[in-house]
Amino acid sequence: MSPTPTIPLETLMAQAQAGDELAYAEVLRQCERLLHALMRSKVSDSEGLNDLIQECLISIHKARHTYQANRPFKPWMFAIANYRLKDHFRGAYRRLELEKTFLDHLTLEKETQDVTFYQLQREQLSDILEKLPSQQRQLVQLCKIEGYSIRETSQKMGMSESAVKVALHRCLKKITEQLSPADE
């Protein structure tokens, strides 16, 4: 018997746990549809949304053995999705904190910093930027120095917005690790 959307998810998942691959494929299709409906209002960019849904589906796959057929399926699935959503937001927050830390290194106030320190840090930053691969250097130049948005940078560089975010995050992390406070 071929699974159809009218078969309850609880039944499909029980069949899937018994080894029915078609039932499992249908479970994942329905989960994807439900997750998309749930998360599209919470995650604004479509690539981020698709990545999050894939992470949820992977987590559901890994946890499929924990589902109990005598319990409702959707609360089990939504609990997993809620954990992934929280992870997604924690990761976004960490990326923002890293960028803030990097920007704090770049925006030194003249009246509170020794001119020599300010000059040394600018030289150190210039050296670090010089050693970066050209694509990473261009990302920093466009996003952090010239002030282009992620969308504008992605268009200029021919990359997806998600790829720009990931590459910029990695680049900023590398720069932040290399920026060391001047010896006093």
C-alpha atoms as a PDB file:
ATOM      1  CA  MET A   1       0.000   0.000   0.000  1.00  0.00           C
ATOM      2  CA  SER A   2       1.454   3.317  -1.093  1.00  0.00           C
ATOM      3  CA  PRO A   3       1.470   6.101   1.514  1.00  0.00           C
ATOM      4  CA  THR A   4      -0.762   9.093   0.788  1.00  0.00           C
ATOM      5  CA  PRO A   5      -1.105  12.474   2.474  1.00  0.00           C
ATOM      6  CA  THR A   6      -4.420  11.343   4.045  1.00  0.00           C
ATOM      7  CA  ILE A   7      -2.654   8.764   6.203  1.00  0.00           C
ATOM      8  CA  PRO A   8      -1.960  10.272   9.639  1.00  0.00           C
ATOM      9  CA  LEU A   9       1.674  11.082  10.381  1.00  0.00           C
ATOM     10  CA  GLU A  10       1.557   8.809  13.443  1.00  0.00           C
ATOM     11  CA  THR A  11       0.700   5.844  11.208  1.00  0.00           C
ATOM     12  CA  LEU A  12       3.259   6.790   8.565  1.00  0.00           C
ATOM     13  CA  MET A  13       6.005   7.139  11.173  1.00  0.00           C
ATOM     14  CA  ALA A  14       5.112   3.770  12.706  1.00  0.00           C
ATOM     15  CA  GLN A  15       5.331   2.234   9.223  1.00  0.00           C
ATOM     16  CA  ALA A  16       8.635   4.016   8.648  1.00  0.00           C
ATOM     17  CA  GLN A  17      10.025   2.706  11.932  1.00  0.00           C
ATOM     18  CA  ALA A  18       9.035  -0.777  10.749  1.00  0.00           C
ATOM     19  CA  GLY A  19      11.170  -0.277   7.618  1.00  0.00           C
ATOM     20  CA  ASP A  20       8.702   1.135   5.059  1.00  0.00           C
ATOM     21  CA  GLU A  21      10.864   3.495   2.972  1.00  0.00           C
ATOM     22  CA  LEU A  22       7.919   4.989   1.069  1.00  0.00           C
ATOM     23  CA  ALA A  23       6.183   5.843   4.327  1.00  0.00           C
ATOM     24  CA  TYR A  24       9.389   7.449   5.599  1.00  0.00           C
ATOM     25  CA  ALA A  25       9.765   9.535   2.433  1.00  0.00           C
ATOM     26  CA  GLU A  26       6.178  10.728   2.901  1.00  0.00           C
ATOM     27  CA  VAL A  27       6.838  11.573   6.560  1.00  0.00           C
ATOM     28  CA  LEU A  28       9.788  13.746   5.530  1.00  0.00           C
ATOM     29  CA  ARG A  29       7.780  15.445   2.749  1.00  0.00           C
ATOM     30  CA  GLN A  30       4.977  16.309   5.160  1.00  0.00           C
ATOM     31  CA  CYS A  31       7.459  17.443   7.823  1.00  0.00           C
ATOM     32  CA  GLU A  32       9.126  19.747   5.306  1.00  0.00           C
ATOM     33  CA  ARG A  33       5.771  21.308   4.409  1.00  0.00           C
ATOM     34  CA  LEU A  34       4.805  21.771   8.084  1.00  0.00           C
ATOM     35  CA  LEU A  35       8.218  23.153   9.040  1.00  0.00           C
ATOM     36  CA  HIS A  36       8.146  25.623   6.186  1.00  0.00           C
ATOM     37  CA  ALA A  37       4.728  26.884   7.305  1.00  0.00           C
ATOM     38  CA  LEU A  38       5.947  27.182  10.900  1.00  0.00           C
ATOM     39  CA  MET A  39       9.274  28.900  10.264  1.00  0.00           C
ATOM     40  CA  ARG A  40       8.729  31.198   7.297  1.00  0.00           C
ATOM     41  CA  SER A  41       7.496  33.965   9.617  1.00  0.00           C
ATOM     42  CA  LYS A  42      10.461  33.511  11.974  1.00  0.00           C
ATOM     43  CA  VAL A  43      13.369  33.425   9.487  1.00  0.00           C
ATOM     44  CA  SER A  44      13.418  36.205   6.908  1.00  0.00           C
ATOM     45  CA  ASP A  45      15.953  35.083   4.299  1.00  0.00           C
ATOM     46  CA  SER A  46      14.957  32.149   2.120  1.00  0.00           C
ATOM     47  CA  GLU A  47      18.387  30.478   2.151  1.00  0.00           C
ATOM     48  CA  GLY A  48      18.495  30.647   5.942  1.00  0.00           C
ATOM     49  CA  LEU A  49      14.979  29.233   6.079  1.00  0.00           C
ATOM     50  CA  ASN A  50      15.862  26.364   3.748  1.00  0.00           C
ATOM     51  CA  ASP A  51      19.043  25.614   5.719  1.00  0.00           C
ATOM     52  CA  LEU A  52      17.073  25.587   8.971  1.00  0.00           C
ATOM     53  CA  ILE A  53      14.421  23.258   7.542  1.00  0.00           C
ATOM     54  CA  GLN A  54      17.161  20.890   6.353  1.00  0.00           C
ATOM     55  CA  GLU A  55      18.739  20.943   9.818  1.00  0.00           C
ATOM     56  CA  CYS A  56      15.333  20.101  11.306  1.00  0.00           C
ATOM     57  CA  LEU A  57      14.835  17.221   8.880  1.00  0.00           C
ATOM     58  CA  ILE A  58      18.287  15.854   9.721  1.00  0.00           C
ATOM     59  CA  SER A  59      17.493  16.095  13.436  1.00  0.00           C
ATOM     60  CA  ILE A  60      14.159  14.340  12.895  1.00  0.00           C
ATOM     61  CA  HIS A  61      15.986  11.635  10.955  1.00  0.00           C
ATOM     62  CA  LYS A  62      18.553  11.170  13.716  1.00  0.00           C
ATOM     63  CA  ALA A  63      15.878  11.107  16.429  1.00  0.00           C
ATOM     64  CA  ARG A  64      13.336   8.977  14.560  1.00  0.00           C
ATOM     65  CA  HIS A  65      13.982   6.025  16.878  1.00  0.00           C
ATOM     66  CA  THR A  66      12.752   8.117  19.838  1.00  0.00           C
ATOM     67  CA  TYR A  67       9.270   8.648  18.427  1.00  0.00           C
ATOM     68  CA  GLN A  68       6.615   6.620  20.238  1.00  0.00           C
ATOM     69  CA  ALA A  69       3.812   5.528  17.894  1.00  0.00           C
ATOM     70  CA  ASN A  70       1.152   5.838  20.608  1.00  0.00           C
ATOM     71  CA  ARG A  71       1.890   9.587  20.979  1.00  0.00           C
ATOM     72  CA  PRO A  72       0.989  12.482  18.652  1.00  0.00           C
ATOM     73  CA  PHE A  73       3.602  13.071  15.975  1.00  0.00           C
ATOM     74  CA  LYS A  74       3.394  16.849  15.469  1.00  0.00           C
ATOM     75  CA  PRO A  75       4.312  17.870  19.055  1.00  0.00           C
ATOM     76  CA  TRP A  76       7.337  15.545  18.852  1.00  0.00           C
ATOM     77  CA  MET A  77       8.372  17.058  15.510  1.00  0.00           C
ATOM     78  CA  PHE A  78       7.737  20.657  16.657  1.00  0.00           C
ATOM     79  CA  ALA A  79       9.806  20.098  19.809  1.00  0.00           C
ATOM     80  CA  ILE A  80      12.759  19.081  17.628  1.00  0.00           C
ATOM     81  CA  ALA A  81      12.136  22.055  15.325  1.00  0.00           C
ATOM     82  CA  ASN A  82      12.002  24.405  18.315  1.00  0.00           C
ATOM     83  CA  TYR A  83      15.466  23.252  19.451  1.00  0.00           C
ATOM     84  CA  ARG A  84      16.883  23.781  15.960  1.00  0.00           C
ATOM     85  CA  LEU A  85      15.267  27.219  15.752  1.00  0.00           C
ATOM     86  CA  LYS A  86      16.834  28.220  19.080  1.00  0.00           C
ATOM     87  CA  ASP A  87      20.224  26.969  17.832  1.00  0.00           C
ATOM     88  CA  HIS A  88      19.749  29.032  14.676  1.00  0.00           C
ATOM     89  CA  PHE A  89      19.073  32.208  16.653  1.00  0.00           C
ATOM     90  CA  ARG A  90      21.949  31.521  19.070  1.00  0.00           C
ATOM     91  CA  GLY A  91      24.292  31.167  16.088  1.00  0.00           C
ATOM     92  CA  ALA A  92      23.025  34.415  14.575  1.00  0.00           C
ATOM     93  CA  TYR A  93      23.548  36.171  17.908  1.00  0.00           C
ATOM     94  CA  ARG A  94      27.111  34.818  18.189  1.00  0.00           C
ATOM     95  CA  ARG A  95      27.887  36.047  14.664  1.00  0.00           C
ATOM     96  CA  LEU A  96      26.593  39.515  15.559  1.00  0.00           C
ATOM     97  CA  GLU A  97      28.691  39.562  18.729  1.00  0.00           C
ATOM     98  CA  LEU A  98      31.804  38.583  16.766  1.00  0.00           C
ATOM     99  CA  GLU A  99      31.190  41.331  14.225  1.00  0.00           C
ATOM    100  CA  LYS A 100      30.654  43.825  17.056  1.00  0.00           C
ATOM    101  CA  THR A 101      33.953  42.752  18.626  1.00  0.00           C
ATOM    102  CA  PHE A 102      35.692  43.227  15.291  1.00  0.00           C
ATOM    103  CA  LEU A 103      34.135  46.646  14.779  1.00  0.00           C
ATOM    104  CA  ASP A 104      35.170  47.643  18.298  1.00  0.00           C
ATOM    105  CA  HIS A 105      38.763  46.942  17.263  1.00  0.00           C
ATOM    106  CA  LEU A 106      38.355  49.148  14.205  1.00  0.00           C
ATOM    107  CA  THR A 107      36.615  52.093  15.846  1.00  0.00           C
ATOM    108  CA  LEU A 108      39.051  53.416  18.407  1.00  0.00           C
ATOM    109  CA  GLU A 109      38.289  56.823  19.806  1.00  0.00           C
ATOM    110  CA  LYS A 110      41.264  59.172  19.417  1.00  0.00           C
ATOM    111  CA  GLU A 111      40.846  60.968  22.723  1.00  0.00           C
ATOM    112  CA  THR A 112      40.932  57.732  24.753  1.00  0.00           C
ATOM    113  CA  GLN A 113      43.720  56.013  22.832  1.00  0.00           C
ATOM    114  CA  ASP A 114      47.373  56.860  22.546  1.00  0.00           C
ATOM    115  CA  VAL A 115      48.148  57.997  18.997  1.00  0.00           C
ATOM    116  CA  THR A 116      51.014  55.498  18.793  1.00  0.00           C
ATOM    117  CA  PHE A 117      48.695  52.662  19.828  1.00  0.00           C
ATOM    118  CA  TYR A 118      46.108  53.774  17.277  1.00  0.00           C
ATOM    119  CA  GLN A 119      48.728  53.892  14.510  1.00  0.00           C
ATOM    120  CA  LEU A 120      50.181  50.493  15.484  1.00  0.00           C
ATOM    121  CA  GLN A 121      46.754  48.881  15.459  1.00  0.00           C
ATOM    122  CA  ARG A 122      45.920  50.391  12.063  1.00  0.00           C
ATOM    123  CA  GLU A 123      49.226  49.069  10.709  1.00  0.00           C
ATOM    124  CA  GLN A 124      48.571  45.661  12.244  1.00  0.00           C
ATOM    125  CA  LEU A 125      45.094  45.583  10.694  1.00  0.00           C
ATOM    126  CA  SER A 126      46.511  46.655   7.323  1.00  0.00           C
ATOM    127  CA  ASP A 127      49.067  43.823   7.500  1.00  0.00           C
ATOM    128  CA  ILE A 128      46.361  41.295   8.377  1.00  0.00           C
ATOM    129  CA  LEU A 129      44.110  42.488   5.544  1.00  0.00           C
ATOM    130  CA  GLU A 130      47.045  42.390   3.120  1.00  0.00           C
ATOM    131  CA  LYS A 131      47.663  38.704   3.918  1.00  0.00           C
ATOM    132  CA  LEU A 132      44.045  37.654   3.371  1.00  0.00           C
ATOM    133  CA  PRO A 133      43.047  35.903   0.151  1.00  0.00           C
ATOM    134  CA  SER A 134      41.680  38.448  -2.326  1.00  0.00           C
ATOM    135  CA  GLN A 135      38.043  37.303  -1.977  1.00  0.00           C
ATOM    136  CA  GLN A 136      38.107  37.683   1.808  1.00  0.00           C
ATOM    137  CA  ARG A 137      39.870  41.044   1.557  1.00  0.00           C
ATOM    138  CA  GLN A 138      37.211  42.197  -0.912  1.00  0.00           C
ATOM    139  CA  LEU A 139      34.435  41.052   1.442  1.00  0.00           C
ATOM    140  CA  VAL A 140      35.863  43.100   4.318  1.00  0.00           C
ATOM    141  CA  GLN A 141      36.444  46.057   2.022  1.00  0.00           C
ATOM    142  CA  LEU A 142      32.875  46.052   0.692  1.00  0.00           C
ATOM    143  CA  CYS A 143      30.947  45.183   3.878  1.00  0.00           C
ATOM    144  CA  LYS A 144      32.980  46.708   6.679  1.00  0.00           C
ATOM    145  CA  ILE A 145      34.948  49.538   5.113  1.00  0.00           C
ATOM    146  CA  GLU A 146      32.718  50.772   2.273  1.00  0.00           C
ATOM    147  CA  GLY A 147      29.470  49.880   4.077  1.00  0.00           C
ATOM    148  CA  TYR A 148      27.744  47.789   1.419  1.00  0.00           C
ATOM    149  CA  SER A 149      24.934  45.495   2.609  1.00  0.00           C
ATOM    150  CA  ILE A 150      25.188  41.709   2.423  1.00  0.00           C
ATOM    151  CA  ARG A 151      22.776  41.747  -0.517  1.00  0.00           C
ATOM    152  CA  GLU A 152      24.778  44.398  -2.412  1.00  0.00           C
ATOM    153  CA  THR A 153      28.040  42.571  -1.683  1.00  0.00           C
ATOM    154  CA  SER A 154      26.599  39.267  -2.887  1.00  0.00           C
ATOM    155  CA  GLN A 155      25.526  40.893  -6.148  1.00  0.00           C
ATOM    156  CA  LYS A 156      28.899  42.592  -6.675  1.00  0.00           C
ATOM    157  CA  MET A 157      30.827  39.389  -5.956  1.00  0.00           C
ATOM    158  CA  GLY A 158      28.488  36.934  -7.681  1.00  0.00           C
ATOM    159  CA  MET A 159      27.905  34.952  -4.487  1.00  0.00           C
ATOM    160  CA  SER A 160      24.738  33.999  -2.644  1.00  0.00           C
ATOM    161  CA  GLU A 161      23.865  36.111   0.388  1.00  0.00           C
ATOM    162  CA  SER A 162      24.318  33.056   2.588  1.00  0.00           C
ATOM    163  CA  ALA A 163      27.788  32.399   1.155  1.00  0.00           C
ATOM    164  CA  VAL A 164      28.761  36.044   1.775  1.00  0.00           C
ATOM    165  CA  LYS A 165      27.580  35.820   5.397  1.00  0.00           C
ATOM    166  CA  VAL A 166      29.483  32.599   6.055  1.00  0.00           C
ATOM    167  CA  ALA A 167      32.675  33.784   4.334  1.00  0.00           C
ATOM    168  CA  LEU A 168      32.544  37.174   6.053  1.00  0.00           C
ATOM    169  CA  HIS A 169      31.945  35.545   9.430  1.00  0.00           C
ATOM    170  CA  ARG A 170      34.967  33.267   8.967  1.00  0.00           C
ATOM    171  CA  CYS A 171      37.096  36.147   7.761  1.00  0.00           C
ATOM    172  CA  LEU A 172      36.137  38.386  10.694  1.00  0.00           C
ATOM    173  CA  LYS A 173      36.863  35.567  13.102  1.00  0.00           C
ATOM    174  CA  LYS A 174      40.314  35.094  11.557  1.00  0.00           C
ATOM    175  CA  ILE A 175      41.043  38.831  11.751  1.00  0.00           C
ATOM    176  CA  THR A 176      39.797  39.099  15.339  1.00  0.00           C
ATOM    177  CA  GLU A 177      42.032  36.210  16.388  1.00  0.00           C
ATOM    178  CA  GLN A 178      45.036  37.901  14.781  1.00  0.00           C
ATOM    179  CA  LEU A 179      44.372  41.341  16.251  1.00  0.00           C
ATOM    180  CA  SER A 180      46.266  41.454  19.493  1.00  0.00           C
ATOM    181  CA  PRO A 181      46.329  44.366  21.930  1.00  0.00           C
ATOM    182  CA  ALA A 182      49.519  46.421  21.764  1.00  0.00           C
ATOM    183  CA  ASP A 183      52.051  45.915  24.542  1.00  0.00           C
ATOM    184  CA  GLU A 184      51.933  48.688  27.096  1.00  0.00           C
END
